């Protein structure tokens, strides 16, 4: 799964193009979902008993830098919210 991390001022399309070039020929299925929350949600929805969903990149950060702006963000909090949301639906 490719999704937004902290692009700072680098154009995101360039980042994705470089990452996708490195995935060419890979036999594992992957997809690009630019909205990080939606990407995590998709991964959680696709997971089956015995699967592991590993969310990397943001670790214990409490903010993300997008452009010159710091945006409140916690992968942990988003995952807990999504698990709660998905288990109640």
Protein backbone atom coordinates (compact mmCIF):
# COMPACT_ATOMS: atom_id res chain seq x y z
CA UNK A 1 0.00 0.00 0.00
CA UNK A 2 1.44 3.36 -0.98
CA UNK A 3 0.05 6.38 0.83
CA UNK A 4 0.98 9.85 1.97
CA UNK A 5 3.62 10.20 4.65
CA UNK A 6 5.29 13.58 5.03
CA UNK A 7 5.84 15.13 1.60
CA UNK A 8 7.10 18.46 2.95
CA UNK A 9 7.49 20.63 -0.18
CA UNK A 10 8.28 17.83 -2.62
CA UNK A 11 5.54 17.25 -5.19
CA UNK A 12 3.72 14.09 -4.14
CA UNK A 13 3.39 12.82 -7.71
CA UNK A 14 7.18 12.68 -7.97
CA UNK A 15 7.37 10.70 -4.73
CA UNK A 16 4.73 8.23 -5.90
CA UNK A 17 6.36 7.86 -9.33
CA UNK A 18 9.71 6.98 -7.73
CA UNK A 19 8.13 4.49 -5.34
CA UNK A 20 6.03 2.89 -8.06
CA UNK A 21 9.08 2.54 -10.33
CA UNK A 22 10.69 0.45 -7.59
CA UNK A 23 7.63 -1.82 -7.43
CA UNK A 24 7.57 -2.69 -11.15
CA UNK A 25 7.80 -6.42 -11.64
CA UNK A 26 6.87 -7.15 -8.04
CA UNK A 27 4.54 -10.10 -7.80
CA UNK A 28 2.90 -8.91 -4.60
CA UNK A 29 -0.32 -6.98 -5.09
CA UNK A 30 -0.11 -3.33 -4.09
CA UNK A 31 -2.18 -0.24 -4.54
CA UNK A 32 -1.88 3.50 -4.13
CA UNK A 33 -4.37 5.29 -1.89
CA UNK A 34 -3.18 8.82 -1.31
CA UNK A 35 -5.37 9.60 1.71
CA UNK A 36 -3.49 7.96 4.60
CA UNK A 37 -6.62 7.36 6.70
CA UNK A 38 -8.39 5.71 3.74
CA UNK A 39 -5.33 3.57 3.01
CA UNK A 40 -5.24 2.31 6.59
CA UNK A 41 -8.98 1.70 6.51
CA UNK A 42 -8.67 -0.29 3.27
CA UNK A 43 -5.90 -2.44 4.74
CA UNK A 44 -7.93 -3.12 7.88
CA UNK A 45 -11.00 -4.01 5.82
CA UNK A 46 -9.01 -6.45 3.66
CA UNK A 47 -7.31 -8.15 6.63
CA UNK A 48 -8.56 -11.60 7.54
CA UNK A 49 -8.03 -13.65 10.70
CA UNK A 50 -4.34 -14.48 10.96
CA UNK A 51 -3.26 -11.48 8.84
CA UNK A 52 -1.04 -8.71 10.15
CA UNK A 53 -1.52 -5.07 9.13
CA UNK A 54 1.73 -3.15 9.55
CA UNK A 55 1.51 0.63 9.30
CA UNK A 56 4.95 2.13 8.80
CA UNK A 57 6.43 5.54 8.27
CA UNK A 58 4.84 7.70 10.94
CA UNK A 59 5.65 5.65 14.05
CA UNK A 60 4.79 7.54 17.21
CA UNK A 61 4.52 10.95 15.48
CA UNK A 62 1.75 13.26 16.61
CA UNK A 63 1.94 15.52 13.54
CA UNK A 64 2.60 15.24 9.82
CA UNK A 65 4.31 17.90 7.73
CA UNK A 66 2.49 18.65 4.51
CA UNK A 67 4.04 21.54 2.63
CA UNK A 68 5.02 23.97 5.35
CA UNK A 69 2.07 23.06 7.59
CA UNK A 70 2.10 20.69 10.57
CA UNK A 71 -1.09 18.65 10.68
CA UNK A 72 -2.20 16.79 13.80
CA UNK A 73 -1.85 13.06 13.11
CA UNK A 74 -1.47 9.82 15.03
CA UNK A 75 -1.41 6.48 13.19
CA UNK A 76 -2.18 4.78 16.49
CA UNK A 77 -5.26 6.92 17.14
CA UNK A 78 -6.49 6.55 13.57
CA UNK A 79 -6.10 2.76 13.74
CA UNK A 80 -7.99 2.57 17.04
CA UNK A 81 -10.79 4.78 15.66
CA UNK A 82 -11.04 2.71 12.47
CA UNK A 83 -11.06 -0.61 14.32
CA UNK A 84 -13.87 0.70 16.51
CA UNK A 85 -15.76 2.04 13.48
CA UNK A 86 -15.33 -1.15 11.45
CA UNK A 87 -16.27 -3.49 14.29
CA UNK A 88 -19.49 -1.57 14.97
CA UNK A 89 -20.60 -1.66 11.33
